[in-house]
Protein backbone atom coordinates (compact mmCIF):
# COMPACT_ATOMS: atom_id res chain seq x y z
CA UNK A 1 103.54 120.90 183.02
CA UNK A 2 101.60 118.35 185.09
CA UNK A 3 98.16 116.68 185.20
CA UNK A 4 96.48 115.87 188.52
CA UNK A 5 93.97 112.97 188.64
CA UNK A 6 91.92 112.06 191.72
CA UNK A 7 90.39 108.54 191.85
CA UNK A 8 87.61 107.75 194.38
CA UNK A 9 85.76 104.55 195.22
CA UNK A 10 86.47 100.83 195.43
CA UNK A 11 86.31 98.77 192.22
CA UNK A 12 87.10 95.48 194.01
CA UNK A 13 84.53 92.66 194.32
CA UNK A 14 83.54 92.20 197.97
CA UNK A 15 82.68 88.54 197.37
CA UNK A 16 85.88 87.61 195.53
CA UNK A 17 88.63 89.46 197.36
CA UNK A 18 91.16 86.65 197.01
CA UNK A 19 91.13 86.57 193.22
CA UNK A 20 90.80 90.31 192.72
CA UNK A 21 93.16 91.70 190.06
CA UNK A 22 95.17 94.89 190.40
CA UNK A 23 93.21 98.13 190.72
CA UNK A 24 91.93 100.15 187.78
CA UNK A 25 94.37 103.05 188.16
CA UNK A 26 97.46 100.93 188.74
CA UNK A 27 96.57 98.61 185.84
CA UNK A 28 96.18 101.58 183.48
CA UNK A 29 99.47 103.17 184.55
CA UNK A 30 101.29 99.87 184.10
CA UNK A 31 99.88 99.05 180.65
CA UNK A 32 99.32 102.35 178.83
CA UNK A 33 101.91 103.01 176.08
CA UNK A 34 101.58 106.76 176.68
CA UNK A 35 102.64 106.47 180.33
CA UNK A 36 106.29 105.83 181.14
CA UNK A 37 107.52 104.51 184.50
CA UNK A 38 108.42 101.04 185.80
CA UNK A 39 106.41 99.13 188.37
CA UNK A 40 108.63 100.20 191.28
CA UNK A 41 108.54 103.90 190.48
CA UNK A 42 104.75 104.15 190.02
CA UNK A 43 103.87 103.61 193.65
CA UNK A 44 105.46 106.60 195.35
CA UNK A 45 103.59 106.95 198.60
CA UNK A 46 102.35 103.50 199.51
CA UNK A 47 104.62 103.21 202.54
CA UNK A 48 105.22 106.83 203.54
CA UNK A 49 101.73 107.37 204.92
CA UNK A 50 102.74 110.12 207.31
CA UNK A 51 102.63 113.00 204.82
CA UNK A 52 99.28 112.10 203.25
CA UNK A 53 97.58 109.14 204.88
CA UNK A 54 94.34 109.67 202.97
CA UNK A 55 95.44 108.88 199.41
CA UNK A 56 97.79 106.46 197.70
CA UNK A 57 99.88 108.56 195.32
CA UNK A 58 101.20 107.44 191.93
CA UNK A 59 103.57 109.44 189.74
CA UNK A 60 104.54 108.83 186.14
CA UNK A 61 105.29 110.65 182.86
CA UNK A 62 102.66 110.91 180.10
CA UNK A 63 103.06 112.05 176.47
CA UNK A 64 106.84 112.08 176.94
CA UNK A 65 107.40 115.04 179.25
CA UNK A 66 104.11 115.67 181.08
CA UNK A 67 104.14 114.82 184.80
CA UNK A 68 101.17 112.66 185.77
CA UNK A 69 100.14 112.63 189.46
CA UNK A 70 97.33 110.30 190.58
CA UNK A 71 95.80 110.20 194.09
CA UNK A 72 93.65 107.12 194.77
CA UNK A 73 91.31 106.78 197.79
CA UNK A 74 89.22 103.57 197.81
CA UNK A 75 87.68 103.86 201.30
CA UNK A 76 85.30 106.62 202.44
CA UNK A 77 86.24 106.36 206.15
CA UNK A 78 89.87 107.18 205.36
CA UNK A 79 88.76 109.99 203.04
CA UNK A 80 86.53 111.46 205.74
CA UNK A 81 89.25 111.24 208.39
CA UNK A 82 91.30 114.13 206.92
CA UNK A 83 88.72 116.51 205.49
CA UNK A 84 91.16 119.38 204.83
CA UNK A 85 93.55 117.30 202.70
CA UNK A 86 90.71 115.56 200.85
CA UNK A 87 88.97 118.81 199.93
CA UNK A 88 92.20 120.46 198.74
CA UNK A 89 93.08 117.50 196.50
CA UNK A 90 89.62 117.43 194.91
CA UNK A 91 89.74 121.20 194.39
CA UNK A 92 93.08 120.97 192.56
CA UNK A 93 92.13 117.97 190.39
CA UNK A 94 92.19 118.23 186.60
CA UNK A 95 90.24 114.95 186.17
CA UNK A 96 88.13 112.97 188.68
CA UNK A 97 87.60 109.20 188.29
CA UNK A 98 84.79 107.55 190.32
CA UNK A 99 84.88 103.74 190.37
CA UNK A 100 82.79 100.94 191.84
CA UNK A 101 82.19 97.24 191.28
CA UNK A 102 78.93 96.24 189.62
CA UNK A 103 78.69 93.17 191.94
CA UNK A 104 79.17 95.21 195.13
CA UNK A 105 76.18 97.40 195.81
CA UNK A 106 77.78 98.66 199.02
CA UNK A 107 80.63 100.28 197.07
CA UNK A 108 78.10 101.90 194.72
CA UNK A 109 76.01 103.36 197.55
CA UNK A 110 79.20 104.55 199.27
CA UNK A 111 80.07 106.46 196.09
CA UNK A 112 76.52 107.74 195.62
CA UNK A 113 75.79 108.77 199.21
CA UNK A 114 79.23 109.97 200.36
CA UNK A 115 81.61 110.91 197.53
CA UNK A 116 79.09 112.47 195.12
CA UNK A 117 77.81 115.24 197.50
CA UNK A 118 81.41 116.26 198.23
CA UNK A 119 82.29 116.33 194.54
CA UNK A 120 79.19 118.37 193.68
CA UNK A 121 80.19 121.08 196.17
CA UNK A 122 83.81 121.25 194.94
CA UNK A 123 83.21 120.60 191.21
CA UNK A 124 84.17 123.47 188.91
CA UNK A 125 83.99 122.40 185.23
CA UNK A 126 86.30 119.44 185.91
CA UNK A 127 85.64 116.35 183.74
CA UNK A 128 84.38 113.32 185.69
CA UNK A 129 84.57 109.67 184.59
CA UNK A 130 82.35 107.05 186.27
CA UNK A 131 83.75 103.54 185.77
CA UNK A 132 81.55 100.51 186.53
CA UNK A 133 84.01 97.60 186.81
CA UNK A 134 83.23 93.88 186.51
CA UNK A 135 80.78 91.47 184.91
CA UNK A 136 77.40 91.15 186.63
CA UNK A 137 76.88 87.78 188.37
CA UNK A 138 73.55 86.29 189.57
CA UNK A 139 71.81 89.40 188.32
CA UNK A 140 68.21 89.64 189.52
CA UNK A 141 65.54 92.19 188.82
CA UNK A 142 64.85 94.46 191.84
CA UNK A 143 61.52 94.04 193.56
CA UNK A 144 58.96 96.52 192.24
CA UNK A 145 56.26 95.75 194.80
CA UNK A 146 55.18 98.99 196.55
CA UNK A 147 54.93 97.14 199.88
CA UNK A 148 58.46 95.79 199.64
CA UNK A 149 61.31 98.19 200.27
CA UNK A 150 64.10 95.65 199.96
CA UNK A 151 66.38 95.45 196.96
CA UNK A 152 66.82 91.78 196.15
CA UNK A 153 69.33 92.42 193.37
CA UNK A 154 72.97 92.22 194.41
CA UNK A 155 74.25 93.87 191.19
CA UNK A 156 74.32 97.54 190.23
CA UNK A 157 72.29 98.00 187.07
CA UNK A 158 73.36 100.03 184.05
CA UNK A 159 70.41 102.37 184.56
CA UNK A 160 71.61 103.26 188.08
CA UNK A 161 75.07 104.02 186.78
CA UNK A 162 73.79 106.19 183.94
CA UNK A 163 71.48 108.09 186.30
CA UNK A 164 74.42 108.80 188.60
CA UNK A 165 76.46 110.05 185.62
CA UNK A 166 73.63 112.38 184.57
CA UNK A 167 73.58 113.99 188.03
CA UNK A 168 77.23 114.98 187.66
CA UNK A 169 77.32 115.49 183.89
CA UNK A 170 79.94 112.73 183.85
CA UNK A 171 81.08 110.17 181.27
CA UNK A 172 79.81 106.67 182.09
CA UNK A 173 81.93 103.59 181.22
CA UNK A 174 81.35 99.89 181.84
CA UNK A 175 84.58 97.87 182.10
CA UNK A 176 83.72 94.16 182.13
CA UNK A 177 87.34 93.24 182.88
CA UNK A 178 90.70 94.92 183.43
CA UNK A 179 92.27 93.61 180.25
CA UNK A 180 94.12 95.48 177.48
CA UNK A 181 90.96 96.33 175.54
CA UNK A 182 88.89 97.79 178.37
CA UNK A 183 91.84 99.45 180.12
CA UNK A 184 94.02 100.52 177.21
CA UNK A 185 91.52 101.41 174.48
CA UNK A 186 88.23 102.05 176.29
CA UNK A 187 89.04 103.60 179.66
CA UNK A 188 92.47 104.80 178.50
CA UNK A 189 91.06 106.45 175.37
CA UNK A 190 88.53 108.51 177.36
CA UNK A 191 91.03 109.39 180.10
CA UNK A 192 93.70 110.44 177.57
CA UNK A 193 91.15 112.61 175.73
CA UNK A 194 90.44 114.55 178.95
CA UNK A 195 94.19 114.71 179.66
CA UNK A 196 94.76 116.37 176.29
CA UNK A 197 91.90 118.80 176.96
CA UNK A 198 93.42 119.69 180.34
CA UNK A 199 96.82 120.29 178.71
CA UNK A 200 95.29 122.54 176.05
CA UNK A 201 93.48 124.58 178.70
CA UNK A 202 96.62 124.97 180.80
CA UNK A 203 98.65 125.99 177.75
CA UNK A 204 96.02 128.59 176.82
CA UNK A 205 96.00 130.02 180.34
CA UNK A 206 99.79 130.12 180.34
CA UNK A 207 99.85 132.04 177.07
CA UNK A 208 97.33 134.54 178.45
CA UNK A 209 99.52 135.11 181.48
CA UNK A 210 102.53 135.67 179.25
CA UNK A 211 100.64 138.21 177.19
CA UNK A 212 99.54 139.99 180.33
CA UNK A 213 103.11 140.08 181.61
CA UNK A 214 104.41 141.30 178.25
CA UNK A 215 101.96 144.19 178.29
CA UNK A 216 103.67 145.61 181.36
CA UNK A 217 107.23 145.41 180.08
CA UNK A 218 108.72 147.69 177.47
CA UNK A 219 107.35 148.35 173.97
CA UNK A 220 104.31 146.41 172.82
CA UNK A 221 104.57 144.56 169.50
CA UNK A 222 102.75 146.39 166.69
CA UNK A 223 99.29 145.12 165.74
CA UNK A 224 98.95 144.19 162.06
CA UNK A 225 95.61 145.42 160.80
CA UNK A 226 93.56 143.37 158.37
CA UNK A 227 93.90 144.22 154.66
CA UNK A 228 91.07 146.07 152.98
CA UNK A 229 88.26 143.93 151.65
CA UNK A 230 88.62 143.13 147.97
CA UNK A 231 85.86 144.33 145.62
CA UNK A 232 83.12 141.74 145.17
CA UNK A 233 82.28 140.73 141.60
CA UNK A 234 78.70 139.68 140.98
CA UNK A 235 78.22 137.12 138.24
CA UNK A 236 75.69 137.93 135.53
CA UNK A 237 72.71 135.58 135.34
CA UNK A 238 72.52 133.24 132.37
CA UNK A 239 70.11 134.15 129.57
CA UNK A 240 70.82 131.02 127.54
CA UNK A 241 67.23 129.86 127.86
CA UNK A 242 65.70 133.12 126.65
CA UNK A 243 68.26 133.52 123.84
CA UNK A 244 67.31 130.25 122.18
CA UNK A 245 63.63 130.72 122.96
CA UNK A 246 63.66 134.13 121.23
CA UNK A 247 65.25 132.53 118.17
CA UNK A 248 61.92 130.86 117.40
CA UNK A 249 60.06 134.18 117.31
CA UNK A 250 62.62 136.40 115.55
CA UNK A 251 62.47 134.25 112.35
CA UNK A 252 66.18 134.80 111.62
CA UNK A 253 68.36 132.18 109.89
CA UNK A 254 65.35 129.89 109.35
CA UNK A 255 66.40 126.78 107.40
CA UNK A 256 63.33 124.52 107.74
CA UNK A 257 59.62 125.23 107.18
CA UNK A 258 56.82 122.86 108.24
CA UNK A 259 53.64 122.45 106.17
CA UNK A 260 50.37 120.70 106.94
CA UNK A 261 48.98 117.92 104.68
CA UNK A 262 47.18 120.65 102.66
CA UNK A 263 50.60 122.22 101.91
CA UNK A 264 49.91 125.35 103.99
CA UNK A 265 52.78 126.77 106.03
CA UNK A 266 52.48 126.01 109.73
CA UNK A 267 55.77 126.97 111.42
CA UNK A 268 59.42 127.85 110.85
CA UNK A 269 62.35 126.40 112.73
CA UNK A 270 66.10 125.72 112.76
CA UNK A 271 67.68 122.36 112.02
CA UNK A 272 70.49 122.78 114.55
CA UNK A 273 68.09 123.30 117.47
CA UNK A 274 65.78 120.45 116.47
CA UNK A 275 68.67 118.04 115.97
CA UNK A 276 70.15 118.98 119.34
CA UNK A 277 66.92 117.76 120.94
CA UNK A 278 65.76 114.82 118.87
CA UNK A 279 67.23 111.85 117.02
CA UNK A 280 64.06 111.86 114.92
CA UNK A 281 65.13 115.17 113.37
CA UNK A 282 68.73 113.96 113.06
CA UNK A 283 67.41 111.09 110.96
CA UNK A 284 65.06 113.38 109.01
CA UNK A 285 67.81 115.88 108.13
CA UNK A 286 70.40 113.16 107.35
CA UNK A 287 72.64 114.07 110.27
CA UNK A 288 72.54 110.39 111.25
CA UNK A 289 71.60 107.31 109.30
CA UNK A 290 69.30 104.46 110.45
CA UNK A 291 72.43 102.38 110.93
CA UNK A 292 73.81 104.98 113.37
CA UNK A 293 70.61 105.14 115.42
CA UNK A 294 69.64 101.43 115.40
CA UNK A 295 66.26 102.07 117.02
CA UNK A 296 63.20 100.91 115.08
CA UNK A 297 60.76 103.08 117.06
CA UNK A 298 62.65 106.29 116.14
CA UNK A 299 62.83 105.26 112.49
CA UNK A 300 59.11 104.43 112.48
CA UNK A 301 58.21 107.76 114.17
CA UNK A 302 60.19 109.68 111.55
CA UNK A 303 58.48 107.88 108.65
CA UNK A 304 54.99 108.22 110.16
CA UNK A 305 55.15 111.92 111.04
CA UNK A 306 57.31 113.70 108.44
CA UNK A 307 58.28 113.76 104.80
CA UNK A 308 60.60 116.11 102.93
CA UNK A 309 59.32 117.75 99.78
CA UNK A 310 61.89 118.60 97.12
CA UNK A 311 59.35 119.65 94.50
CA UNK A 312 60.53 122.86 92.80
CA UNK A 313 56.93 123.78 91.98
CA UNK A 314 55.90 123.53 95.62
CA UNK A 315 52.73 125.67 96.15
CA UNK A 316 53.88 127.21 99.40
CA UNK A 317 57.51 127.78 98.46
CA UNK A 318 58.99 131.26 98.90
CA UNK A 319 60.20 132.94 95.80
CA UNK A 320 62.15 135.74 97.49
CA UNK A 321 64.49 133.67 99.68
CA UNK A 322 68.15 134.44 98.78
CA UNK A 323 70.75 131.68 98.74
CA UNK A 324 69.73 128.20 99.78
CA UNK A 325 65.95 128.09 100.39
CA UNK A 326 64.66 126.51 103.64
CA UNK A 327 64.00 122.80 103.63
CA UNK A 328 60.28 122.01 103.21
CA UNK A 329 58.90 119.37 105.61
CA UNK A 330 55.32 118.11 105.33
CA UNK A 331 53.72 116.91 108.57
CA UNK A 332 51.63 113.84 107.72
CA UNK A 333 49.63 113.73 110.96
CA UNK A 334 47.02 116.53 110.82
CA UNK A 335 46.33 116.39 114.56
CA UNK A 336 50.02 116.61 115.41
CA UNK A 337 50.46 119.38 112.83
CA UNK A 338 47.75 121.53 114.44
CA UNK A 339 49.74 121.48 117.69
CA UNK A 340 53.16 121.90 116.04
CA UNK A 341 53.65 125.63 116.97
CA UNK A 342 53.09 124.77 120.64
CA UNK A 343 55.39 121.76 120.38
CA UNK A 344 58.15 123.86 118.82
CA UNK A 345 57.74 126.48 121.54
CA UNK A 346 58.03 123.66 124.09
CA UNK A 347 61.22 122.39 122.43
CA UNK A 348 62.85 125.82 122.10
CA UNK A 349 62.11 126.62 125.77
CA UNK A 350 64.06 123.58 126.91
CA UNK A 351 61.72 120.61 126.39
CA UNK A 352 60.86 120.23 130.07
CA UNK A 353 57.60 122.20 130.61
CA UNK A 354 55.30 119.24 130.08
CA UNK A 355 52.35 120.58 132.04
CA UNK A 356 52.29 123.81 130.01
CA UNK A 357 52.53 121.84 126.78
CA UNK A 358 49.59 119.66 127.82
CA UNK A 359 47.49 122.73 128.65
CA UNK A 360 48.29 124.32 125.26
CA UNK A 361 47.35 121.10 123.43
CA UNK A 362 44.06 120.82 125.36
CA UNK A 363 43.08 124.29 124.13
CA UNK A 364 43.29 123.04 120.53
CA UNK A 365 42.34 119.39 120.93
CA UNK A 366 39.24 118.75 123.02
CA UNK A 367 39.32 114.96 123.10
CA UNK A 368 41.50 113.63 125.97
CA UNK A 369 42.49 110.60 123.91
CA UNK A 370 43.82 112.84 121.15
CA UNK A 371 45.74 114.89 123.73
CA UNK A 372 47.41 111.73 125.03
CA UNK A 373 48.19 110.67 121.46
CA UNK A 374 49.96 113.97 120.69
CA UNK A 375 51.89 113.84 123.97
CA UNK A 376 53.04 110.30 123.22
CA UNK A 377 54.30 111.41 119.79
CA UNK A 378 56.29 114.23 121.42
CA UNK A 379 57.81 111.67 123.79
CA UNK A 380 58.75 109.50 120.82
CA UNK A 381 60.42 112.50 119.15
CA UNK A 382 62.50 113.16 122.29
CA UNK A 383 63.28 109.48 122.86
CA UNK A 384 66.91 108.42 123.36
CA UNK A 385 67.93 105.48 121.14
CA UNK A 386 68.05 102.16 122.97
CA UNK A 387 66.00 103.34 125.97
CA UNK A 388 62.40 102.29 126.60
CA UNK A 389 59.92 105.01 127.63
CA UNK A 390 62.64 107.21 129.13
CA UNK A 391 60.12 110.09 129.37
CA UNK A 392 57.23 108.08 130.79
CA UNK A 393 57.00 110.18 133.98
CA UNK A 394 56.91 113.73 132.64
CA UNK A 395 56.59 115.38 136.07
CA UNK A 396 59.71 113.63 137.36
CA UNK A 397 61.57 114.63 134.21
CA UNK A 398 60.38 118.22 134.59
CA UNK A 399 61.66 118.41 138.18
CA UNK A 400 65.02 116.91 137.19
CA UNK A 401 65.56 119.20 134.18
CA UNK A 402 64.72 122.75 135.23
CA UNK A 403 67.00 124.33 132.60
CA UNK A 404 67.88 123.75 128.95
CA UNK A 405 69.18 120.21 128.66
CA UNK A 406 70.57 120.48 125.15
CA UNK A 407 73.32 122.95 125.97
CA UNK A 408 75.49 119.83 126.17
CA UNK A 409 73.84 118.37 123.05
CA UNK A 410 74.73 121.45 121.02
CA UNK A 411 78.37 120.75 121.85
CA UNK A 412 78.03 117.74 119.52
CA UNK A 413 77.83 120.21 116.61
CA UNK A 414 80.67 122.50 117.79
CA UNK A 415 83.41 122.76 115.14
CA UNK A 416 81.64 120.10 113.04
CA UNK A 417 80.57 120.51 109.40
CA UNK A 418 77.16 118.90 110.02
CA UNK A 419 74.39 121.46 109.25
CA UNK A 420 77.01 124.24 109.23
CA UNK A 421 76.08 127.26 107.09
CA UNK A 422 79.05 129.54 107.83
CA UNK A 423 82.81 128.97 108.00
CA UNK A 424 85.28 131.19 109.87
CA UNK A 425 88.83 131.46 108.56
CA UNK A 426 91.36 131.90 111.40
CA UNK A 427 95.15 131.71 111.14
CA UNK A 428 94.99 129.68 107.91
CA UNK A 429 92.48 127.14 109.26
CA UNK A 430 88.70 126.93 109.02
CA UNK A 431 86.08 126.58 111.79
CA UNK A 432 82.52 125.63 110.73
CA UNK A 433 79.58 127.09 112.68
CA UNK A 434 75.82 127.61 112.59
CA UNK A 435 74.31 131.04 112.02
CA UNK A 436 71.19 130.33 114.09
CA UNK A 437 73.18 129.75 117.30
CA UNK A 438 75.49 132.71 116.64
CA UNK A 439 72.58 135.06 115.96
CA UNK A 440 70.67 133.89 119.03
CA UNK A 441 73.61 134.20 121.42
CA UNK A 442 75.57 137.23 120.14
CA UNK A 443 74.01 140.58 119.21
CA UNK A 444 77.07 141.66 117.21
CA UNK A 445 76.87 138.56 115.03
CA UNK A 446 73.10 138.99 114.71
CA UNK A 447 73.66 142.46 113.28
CA UNK A 448 76.54 141.18 111.11
CA UNK A 449 74.54 138.36 109.52
CA UNK A 450 71.27 140.27 109.07
CA UNK A 451 72.49 143.75 108.14
CA UNK A 452 73.91 145.28 105.00
CA UNK A 453 77.32 143.77 105.56
CA UNK A 454 79.49 141.52 103.45
CA UNK A 455 79.20 138.74 106.05
CA UNK A 456 75.42 138.55 105.55
CA UNK A 457 75.87 137.09 102.04
CA UNK A 458 79.24 135.37 102.46
CA UNK A 459 79.81 131.81 103.66
CA UNK A 460 83.56 132.19 104.37
CA UNK A 461 84.24 134.90 106.97
CA UNK A 462 87.81 135.85 108.02
CA UNK A 463 88.52 136.58 111.69
CA UNK A 464 91.47 138.75 112.73
CA UNK A 465 93.14 139.51 116.06
CA UNK A 466 92.10 136.26 117.73
CA UNK A 467 93.81 132.87 117.87
CA UNK A 468 91.98 129.72 116.80
CA UNK A 469 92.02 128.29 120.37
CA UNK A 470 90.50 131.49 121.77
CA UNK A 471 87.81 131.67 119.09
CA UNK A 472 86.90 128.01 119.65
CA UNK A 473 86.53 128.73 123.37
CA UNK A 474 84.30 131.68 122.45
CA UNK A 475 82.14 129.45 120.23
CA UNK A 476 82.01 126.83 122.99
CA UNK A 477 80.45 129.42 125.30
CA UNK A 478 77.89 130.43 122.64
CA UNK A 479 76.92 126.79 122.08
CA UNK A 480 76.99 125.51 125.69
CA UNK A 481 76.81 128.61 127.95
CA UNK A 482 80.00 127.50 129.69
CA UNK A 483 83.76 127.65 129.19
CA UNK A 484 86.87 126.51 131.01
CA UNK A 485 90.04 128.44 130.10
CA UNK A 486 93.33 126.60 130.47
CA UNK A 487 94.91 129.42 132.46
CA UNK A 488 95.01 133.14 133.22
CA UNK A 489 96.54 134.05 129.85
CA UNK A 490 93.88 132.20 127.85
CA UNK A 491 91.14 133.66 130.07
CA UNK A 492 92.44 137.17 129.30
CA UNK A 493 92.48 136.41 125.55
CA UNK A 494 88.93 135.09 125.81
CA UNK A 495 87.89 138.22 127.71
CA UNK A 496 89.28 140.37 124.88
CA UNK A 497 87.35 138.28 122.34
CA UNK A 498 84.16 138.60 124.40
CA UNK A 499 84.63 142.38 124.54
CA UNK A 500 85.12 142.43 120.77
CA UNK A 501 81.77 140.71 120.22
CA UNK A 502 80.04 142.45 123.19
CA UNK A 503 79.19 139.25 125.13
CA UNK A 504 79.13 140.72 128.63
CA UNK A 505 78.38 137.55 130.58
CA UNK A 506 81.40 135.78 129.07
CA UNK A 507 83.50 138.78 130.14
CA UNK A 508 82.28 138.36 133.72
CA UNK A 509 83.07 134.62 133.62
CA UNK A 510 86.63 135.34 132.47
CA UNK A 511 87.03 138.03 135.15
CA UNK A 512 85.91 135.62 137.86
CA UNK A 513 88.23 132.91 136.53
CA UNK A 514 91.26 135.25 136.60
CA UNK A 515 90.38 136.47 140.11
CA UNK A 516 89.87 132.93 141.42
CA UNK A 517 93.19 131.78 139.98
CA UNK A 518 95.12 134.70 141.49
CA UNK A 519 93.44 134.38 144.89
CA UNK A 520 94.31 130.69 145.12
CA UNK A 521 98.04 131.30 144.56
CA UNK A 522 100.25 131.24 147.68
CA UNK A 523 102.67 134.11 148.25
CA UNK A 524 105.68 132.08 147.14
CA UNK A 525 104.05 131.31 143.78
CA UNK A 526 103.04 134.95 143.32
CA UNK A 527 106.64 136.01 143.88
CA UNK A 528 108.06 133.49 141.39
CA UNK A 529 105.42 133.50 138.62
CA UNK A 530 106.26 134.96 135.20
CA UNK A 531 102.83 136.54 134.71
CA UNK A 532 103.03 140.34 134.38
CA UNK A 533 100.27 141.52 136.69
CA UNK A 534 100.67 145.17 135.62
CA UNK A 535 100.29 144.20 131.94
CA UNK A 536 97.14 142.29 132.95
CA UNK A 537 95.86 145.45 134.63
CA UNK A 538 96.49 147.60 131.57
CA UNK A 539 94.75 145.10 129.25
CA UNK A 540 91.74 145.01 131.56
CA UNK A 541 91.52 148.81 131.48
CA UNK A 542 92.00 149.00 127.72
CA UNK A 543 89.19 146.51 127.08
CA UNK A 544 86.77 148.23 129.48
CA UNK A 545 86.86 145.51 132.14
CA UNK A 546 86.38 147.96 134.99
CA UNK A 547 85.58 145.35 137.65
CA UNK A 548 88.75 143.35 136.92
CA UNK A 549 91.00 146.43 136.72
CA UNK A 550 89.73 147.72 140.08
CA UNK A 551 90.20 144.30 141.67
CA UNK A 552 93.76 143.99 140.27
CA UNK A 553 94.71 147.36 141.76
CA UNK A 554 93.50 146.19 145.18
CA UNK A 555 95.32 142.87 144.66
CA UNK A 556 98.61 144.65 143.94
CA UNK A 557 98.12 146.87 147.01
CA UNK A 558 97.29 143.89 149.25
CA UNK A 559 100.44 142.05 148.07
CA UNK A 560 102.58 145.19 148.04
CA UNK A 561 105.76 143.57 149.41
CA UNK A 562 105.72 141.03 146.56
CA UNK A 563 104.81 143.19 143.56
CA UNK A 564 106.85 146.24 144.59
CA UNK A 565 109.99 144.13 144.06
CA UNK A 566 109.09 143.24 140.48
CA UNK A 567 110.40 145.40 137.59
CA UNK A 568 106.93 145.85 136.03
CA UNK A 569 105.83 147.70 139.18
CA UNK A 570 107.53 150.77 137.72
CA UNK A 571 105.13 150.66 134.76
CA UNK A 572 102.21 151.74 136.91
CA UNK A 573 100.86 155.17 136.11
CA UNK A 574 101.06 158.02 138.62
CA UNK A 575 97.38 157.60 139.47
CA UNK A 576 97.72 153.83 139.89
CA UNK A 577 100.87 154.19 142.01
CA UNK A 578 99.10 156.67 144.26
CA UNK A 579 96.17 154.28 144.75
CA UNK A 580 98.49 151.36 145.55
CA UNK A 581 100.53 153.38 148.06
CA UNK A 582 97.37 154.59 149.78
CA UNK A 583 95.87 151.11 150.14
CA UNK A 584 99.09 149.09 150.55
CA UNK A 585 99.24 146.23 153.04
CA UNK A 586 101.03 146.07 155.36
CA UNK A 587 101.02 149.83 155.79
CA UNK A 588 104.19 151.88 155.93
CA UNK A 589 103.36 152.87 159.52
CA UNK A 590 103.22 149.21 160.59
CA UNK A 591 106.59 148.46 158.98
CA UNK A 592 108.19 151.38 160.87
CA UNK A 593 106.68 150.19 164.17
CA UNK A 594 107.84 146.64 163.45
CA UNK A 595 111.41 147.85 162.79
CA UNK A 596 111.42 149.77 166.08
CA UNK A 597 110.08 146.76 167.99
CA UNK A 598 112.71 144.42 166.47
CA UNK A 599 115.42 146.92 167.35
CA UNK A 600 114.11 147.03 170.91
CA UNK A 601 113.92 143.21 171.17
CA UNK A 602 117.52 142.75 170.01
CA UNK A 603 118.88 145.51 172.22
CA UNK A 604 120.52 144.73 175.58
CA UNK A 605 117.80 146.55 177.47
CA UNK A 606 115.19 143.95 176.62
CA UNK A 607 115.05 140.42 178.01
CA UNK A 608 112.88 137.92 176.19
CA UNK A 609 110.18 136.64 178.52
CA UNK A 610 109.21 133.69 176.33
CA UNK A 611 112.55 131.93 175.74
């Protein structure tokens, strides 16, 4: 394979001919590390001017085994003397290089007025490089007087060069000297880029010709069709926000009741949710001590706003509450207490809807100063220890926190005895939990804790058929709305647990995790892995995971050549085997055609056209 370059124009300085260095093309061929050929072998046709008197021809090897042929014509009169040869060489060029000296305006106008029109007529998507060689000397601004038509400047400006490049759609380069940087890295880098593009184009055309020639000889190779598209699983939207918001209105598992200064009940709430949001409530409910918090403003806010009443003869206490009665909290600030239901609704909905909270407070408190006072107290309740006015700009905070922000805070209470009111016994170990979160996030547990079941009155609840690690992952999802199984096996166990407790979104998450893991495995890993894919399919069907079971059938069919060699493939039912055979990839027809084509290729009748 060869590359043909045509160079036109004179890059020499007309005023300094004696000290002129070697030409641009010859300097590049002699210095480029990608071009091989000694000084004597580069110049092939300098003396034999009979065959082609128009051009000086250089030959070398580029990129190891690519033949590089360069034809250089510095003078227009010689170029114009043999029009037939000149036109043929330009027409067969892969790259055209136009060069002139920035201190020789005659060479520039010769290029512009003579070479460019010829190139425009013969140009056919061939890359062109315009090289302006030299450092400008005695540069003067051209006369702009409308009465003066002379050009007093003896240098070719950059603007003129760029304008010329735009006319041809060429690449414009300024080479201030012919040293290693400008020749090797600058000019050489651009030229070698176009050389690689020319090689790629020639290789592509060669491959097309081979395909065309192959189509007329013997049997065509079989075309492998694309496998069927795998079923698409749509993830279920999160309802974490609404689950915890509904907990405030359902009045289940209430463990704290707020009273106004007149000892009248104002609102009910849940310690676990309040503590997940506020260090003030952590301090109030003894989850943390003042030493742990070390923030005087939080301690002062707790003392100024709330007090816990432990009086057994409390006027508003409920007499019919079984078990441990809710904790009674008296709100000292009457103004804050009047807005407490709205503040609790704001907290349970994620503690980010500040504008709605302000509107609700304005409906109850007319004075704008009082509204600001209540808002500031809410900010103090939500304050992070050690940070000053972290919620000063409520609108910025609202835009940054569009969802529940305490899904990560609730993880602080996962598998911790703090505020726990139920304990699960699993495989000889205990796991503490909080009824309010379980009831809000899982309908089965809501029915279990509030119905006529043993679990409703028991603190210790045994769990069977699930490992401790799987159940902890299940609780992690209920608390944080996210989970990350360690692998496919654990994801399948978690899916079974989610089906047991009817948490459909967790099932979908496990299905997507299993599918993502299997899709990311290369064929070699699929062939060597110990995971029983058929057993996975049967578990998915047994636990009503229809989306996963359908996808696994398609996955087995798509990787038929791998799974058909495994012993568990025989465990497929008749219906499943029929589905896999019908949708297998590659198809049986393709394999037969491939065998016939290979037999034809290796027979004596066929001669390989590629090798």
